[in-house]
Amino acid sequence: RHNIHTPSWLQGIAMLRLLINLDRAVDRLAHMEAQLTKCGVAWERVPAFDCREFEDGFVDDTYANSSRVRQDPGSIGSFMTHRACWRRLVDSDYKHALILEDDLLFGEDSVRFVQSADWLPVTHEKCLVHLETFGRVTVIEDEPVTSPGNHTGHMMHRLHHGSAAYIIHRDTAENALAASSDLNNVPDEFLFMPPPHNVFSKLPVLQVVPAPFVQEDIFERMGGAAAAHR
């Protein structure tokens, strides 16, 4: 754990911040710790489920109990880890959680999205908030529902992949847990498929533009140091 004590009176505006990290990925942990330290916030490491350590027969049993197309064991482990994050939020006193994977680059002004979710309007506070770019075209509502700083938040109308940076409300997390007993799943497809295709929530999904986070391999695919991707 990497916790800074947060007074109870701050918990209404602060968030639970969870960093997903494999035990063997020590370099990635150091990379993320350096970026989060600059933000000056409390955060907590969530050990990722490692598909290399699954018991014999676990994946086959997961497939046998699922009607979905088979996912690779790594996706199953990732989905299980995100479920563990949702459970931590539901069991906490916090209203929101920021969930991060350990291969992220922090963009300009990303600190506001690490510090709190108080920029979300009450009408949309239970919406899932997608904070990263996957470097692909998606479809969003033209008019934003919120404008935090130099960013805007738009309702998404098509799936935007990536589950490495998002904000989730505790009630939404509880609904996600109830609807996700099938572990043969992919976190971003489960979370960010807009309604009516979303299986656990009829709430809109919000995309922050420009995205304040990007995964390192996606950034490289997009051209690296291009100014448009700051």
Protein backbone atom coordinates (compact mmCIF):
# COMPACT_ATOMS: atom_id res chain seq x y z
CA ARG A 1 0.00 0.00 0.00
CA HIS A 2 1.05 3.57 -0.64
CA ASN A 3 -1.39 5.50 1.51
CA ILE A 4 -1.39 9.09 2.68
CA HIS A 5 -3.97 9.61 5.43
CA THR A 6 -7.08 11.29 4.06
CA PRO A 7 -9.33 12.99 6.65
CA SER A 8 -12.93 11.76 6.62
CA TRP A 9 -14.20 15.22 5.66
CA LEU A 10 -12.17 15.00 2.44
CA GLN A 11 -13.47 11.63 1.36
CA GLY A 12 -16.55 13.15 -0.28
CA ILE A 13 -14.41 14.89 -2.88
CA ALA A 14 -11.30 12.70 -2.88
CA MET A 15 -11.22 9.35 -4.63
CA LEU A 16 -10.00 5.90 -3.92
CA ARG A 17 -7.05 5.53 -6.29
CA LEU A 18 -6.12 2.01 -7.29
CA LEU A 19 -3.08 0.98 -9.31
CA ILE A 20 -3.14 -2.45 -10.93
CA ASN A 21 0.28 -4.09 -11.02
CA LEU A 22 1.66 -7.62 -11.44
CA ASP A 23 4.02 -8.68 -8.66
CA ARG A 24 6.74 -9.39 -11.22
CA ALA A 25 6.34 -6.01 -12.96
CA VAL A 26 8.59 -4.06 -10.59
CA ASP A 27 9.82 -1.63 -13.25
CA ARG A 28 6.27 -0.67 -14.13
CA LEU A 29 5.47 -0.08 -10.47
CA ALA A 30 8.44 2.26 -10.14
CA HIS A 31 7.38 4.08 -13.32
CA MET A 32 3.87 4.68 -11.99
CA GLU A 33 5.00 5.52 -8.48
CA ALA A 34 7.18 8.31 -9.88
CA GLN A 35 4.26 9.82 -11.79
CA LEU A 36 1.78 9.50 -8.93
CA THR A 37 4.25 10.99 -6.46
CA LYS A 38 4.35 14.13 -8.58
CA CYS A 39 0.57 14.37 -8.20
CA GLY A 40 0.87 14.30 -4.40
CA VAL A 41 -2.04 11.93 -3.79
CA ALA A 42 -2.76 8.78 -1.80
CA TRP A 43 -2.98 5.57 -3.80
CA GLU A 44 -3.11 1.85 -3.30
CA ARG A 45 -1.57 -0.99 -5.27
CA VAL A 46 -3.84 -3.84 -6.34
CA PRO A 47 -1.90 -7.02 -7.18
CA ALA A 48 -2.99 -8.23 -10.61
CA PHE A 49 -4.10 -11.81 -11.13
CA ASP A 50 -1.26 -13.49 -13.02
CA CYS A 51 -2.46 -15.98 -15.65
CA ARG A 52 0.88 -17.81 -15.28
CA GLU A 53 -0.16 -18.75 -11.76
CA PHE A 54 -3.68 -20.01 -12.50
CA GLU A 55 -4.35 -23.47 -11.14
CA ASP A 56 -4.57 -26.30 -13.63
CA GLY A 57 -8.05 -26.50 -15.11
CA PHE A 58 -9.13 -23.01 -14.00
CA VAL A 59 -9.22 -21.53 -17.50
CA ASP A 60 -10.96 -24.58 -18.97
CA ASP A 61 -13.58 -24.43 -16.21
CA THR A 62 -14.07 -20.71 -16.92
CA TYR A 63 -14.68 -21.46 -20.61
CA ALA A 64 -17.04 -24.30 -19.73
CA ASN A 65 -19.19 -21.96 -17.62
CA SER A 66 -19.34 -19.25 -20.28
CA SER A 67 -21.40 -18.73 -23.42
CA ARG A 68 -19.00 -16.07 -24.73
CA VAL A 69 -16.24 -16.39 -27.31
CA ARG A 70 -13.13 -17.65 -25.55
CA GLN A 71 -10.76 -14.98 -24.32
CA ASP A 72 -7.06 -15.51 -23.70
CA PRO A 73 -6.01 -16.29 -20.10
CA GLY A 74 -4.40 -12.84 -19.78
CA SER A 75 -7.75 -11.15 -20.47
CA ILE A 76 -9.42 -13.35 -17.88
CA GLY A 77 -6.79 -12.37 -15.31
CA SER A 78 -7.22 -8.70 -16.20
CA PHE A 79 -10.99 -8.93 -15.83
CA MET A 80 -10.64 -10.61 -12.44
CA THR A 81 -8.30 -7.83 -11.30
CA HIS A 82 -10.69 -5.07 -12.34
CA ARG A 83 -13.44 -6.89 -10.44
CA ALA A 84 -11.17 -6.83 -7.39
CA CYS A 85 -10.87 -3.05 -7.80
CA TRP A 86 -14.65 -2.65 -8.00
CA ARG A 87 -14.98 -4.71 -4.83
CA ARG A 88 -12.49 -2.48 -3.01
CA LEU A 89 -14.52 0.59 -3.94
CA VAL A 90 -17.82 -0.97 -2.87
CA ASP A 91 -16.28 -2.00 0.46
CA SER A 92 -14.83 1.49 1.05
CA ASP A 93 -16.31 4.81 2.21
CA TYR A 94 -15.48 6.51 -1.09
CA LYS A 95 -17.94 7.57 -3.75
CA HIS A 96 -15.57 7.22 -6.71
CA ALA A 97 -12.46 5.27 -7.62
CA LEU A 98 -9.79 6.10 -10.16
CA ILE A 99 -8.51 2.82 -11.59
CA LEU A 100 -5.15 2.82 -13.34
CA GLU A 101 -3.09 0.14 -15.03
CA ASP A 102 0.69 0.32 -14.74
CA ASP A 103 1.74 1.14 -18.31
CA LEU A 104 0.39 4.70 -18.49
CA LEU A 105 1.85 8.00 -19.52
CA PHE A 106 0.39 11.06 -17.80
CA GLY A 107 -0.49 13.93 -20.15
CA GLU A 108 -0.69 17.66 -19.55
CA ASP A 109 -3.11 18.63 -16.78
CA SER A 110 -3.71 14.96 -15.90
CA VAL A 111 -3.29 15.79 -12.21
CA ARG A 112 -6.83 17.21 -11.97
CA PHE A 113 -8.21 13.80 -12.93
CA VAL A 114 -5.99 12.08 -10.38
CA GLN A 115 -6.96 14.39 -7.54
CA SER A 116 -10.77 14.18 -7.52
CA ALA A 117 -13.97 13.65 -9.44
CA ASP A 118 -15.59 16.86 -8.19
CA TRP A 119 -15.67 18.18 -11.76
CA LEU A 120 -18.35 15.63 -12.66
CA PRO A 121 -21.86 17.13 -12.66
CA VAL A 122 -24.30 15.46 -10.25
CA THR A 123 -26.44 14.41 -13.22
CA HIS A 124 -23.55 12.32 -14.57
CA GLU A 125 -21.60 11.36 -11.44
CA LYS A 126 -22.51 7.66 -11.79
CA CYS A 127 -21.40 7.46 -15.42
CA LEU A 128 -18.24 5.58 -16.27
CA VAL A 129 -15.54 8.05 -17.28
CA HIS A 130 -13.00 6.93 -19.89
CA LEU A 131 -9.77 8.87 -19.39
CA GLU A 132 -7.44 7.42 -22.01
CA THR A 133 -7.09 7.33 -25.76
CA PHE A 134 -6.59 4.13 -27.70
CA GLY A 135 -5.50 6.03 -30.79
CA ARG A 136 -8.56 5.00 -32.79
CA VAL A 137 -11.61 6.79 -34.12
CA THR A 138 -14.72 6.66 -31.98
CA VAL A 139 -18.04 8.53 -31.94
CA ILE A 140 -18.97 11.05 -29.25
CA GLU A 141 -21.71 13.59 -28.66
CA ASP A 142 -20.77 16.99 -30.06
CA GLU A 143 -21.86 18.99 -27.00
CA PRO A 144 -19.96 18.25 -23.77
CA VAL A 145 -21.71 17.57 -20.47
CA THR A 146 -18.80 18.93 -18.43
CA SER A 147 -15.70 21.07 -19.04
CA PRO A 148 -12.91 20.43 -16.51
CA GLY A 149 -10.14 22.92 -17.28
CA ASN A 150 -8.89 22.55 -20.83
CA HIS A 151 -10.78 19.28 -21.26
CA THR A 152 -14.36 18.36 -22.04
CA GLY A 153 -16.43 15.30 -21.21
CA HIS A 154 -18.65 13.87 -23.95
CA MET A 155 -21.16 11.04 -24.08
CA MET A 156 -19.75 8.14 -26.11
CA HIS A 157 -21.79 6.48 -28.84
CA ARG A 158 -19.30 3.79 -29.86
CA LEU A 159 -16.91 1.59 -27.94
CA HIS A 160 -13.53 3.18 -27.27
CA HIS A 161 -11.10 0.47 -26.19
CA GLY A 162 -8.73 0.60 -23.25
CA SER A 163 -9.29 0.03 -19.54
CA ALA A 164 -6.05 1.53 -18.23
CA ALA A 165 -7.53 4.76 -16.84
CA TYR A 166 -11.12 5.35 -15.78
CA ILE A 167 -13.31 6.66 -12.98
CA ILE A 168 -16.18 4.58 -11.61
CA HIS A 169 -18.88 5.38 -9.03
CA ARG A 170 -19.46 2.94 -6.17
CA ASP A 171 -23.07 2.22 -7.25
CA THR A 172 -21.91 1.53 -10.80
CA ALA A 173 -19.16 -0.72 -9.44
CA GLU A 174 -21.72 -2.64 -7.41
CA ASN A 175 -23.84 -3.17 -10.53
CA ALA A 176 -20.76 -4.24 -12.46
CA LEU A 177 -19.90 -6.85 -9.84
CA ALA A 178 -23.41 -8.26 -9.90
CA ALA A 179 -23.33 -8.59 -13.70
CA SER A 180 -19.83 -10.01 -14.11
CA SER A 181 -19.82 -13.54 -12.74
CA ASP A 182 -18.71 -14.74 -16.20
CA LEU A 183 -14.94 -14.25 -15.96
CA ASN A 184 -14.40 -15.07 -19.64
CA ASN A 185 -14.54 -11.39 -20.42
CA VAL A 186 -12.57 -8.28 -21.45
CA PRO A 187 -12.61 -5.23 -19.12
CA ASP A 188 -12.92 -2.48 -21.74
CA GLU A 189 -15.63 -4.25 -23.74
CA PHE A 190 -17.58 -4.96 -20.55
CA LEU A 191 -17.24 -1.43 -19.18
CA PHE A 192 -17.28 0.93 -22.14
CA MET A 193 -19.80 -0.49 -24.55
CA PRO A 194 -22.34 2.35 -24.65
CA PRO A 195 -26.03 1.66 -24.01
CA PRO A 196 -28.14 -0.11 -25.11
CA HIS A 197 -25.40 -2.73 -25.57
CA ASN A 198 -23.96 -2.36 -22.08
CA VAL A 199 -24.96 -5.40 -20.05
CA PHE A 200 -24.97 -3.88 -16.57
CA SER A 201 -25.78 -0.17 -16.86
CA LYS A 202 -28.00 2.06 -18.95
CA LEU A 203 -25.93 5.09 -18.00
CA PRO A 204 -23.91 6.95 -20.64
CA VAL A 205 -20.16 6.49 -20.85
CA LEU A 206 -18.20 9.74 -20.82
CA GLN A 207 -15.00 10.27 -22.82
CA VAL A 208 -12.64 13.03 -21.68
CA VAL A 209 -11.21 15.04 -24.59
CA PRO A 210 -8.32 15.40 -25.02
CA ALA A 211 -7.57 12.21 -23.13
CA PRO A 212 -5.25 12.88 -20.18
CA PHE A 213 -3.70 9.39 -20.26
CA VAL A 214 -2.35 6.96 -22.85
CA GLN A 215 -0.72 3.55 -22.60
CA GLU A 216 2.93 3.52 -23.61
CA ASP A 217 2.55 1.06 -26.49
CA ILE A 218 -0.44 3.00 -27.84
CA PHE A 219 1.56 6.22 -27.66
CA GLU A 220 4.36 4.63 -29.68
CA ARG A 221 1.86 3.37 -32.25
CA MET A 222 0.41 6.87 -32.54
CA GLY A 223 3.78 8.36 -33.41
CA GLY A 224 5.44 9.00 -30.08
CA ALA A 225 6.30 12.63 -29.47
CA ALA A 226 3.74 14.15 -31.85
CA ALA A 227 2.57 17.45 -30.35
CA ALA A 228 -1.07 16.59 -31.01
CA HIS A 229 -0.83 13.76 -28.47
CA ARG A 230 0.48 15.74 -25.50
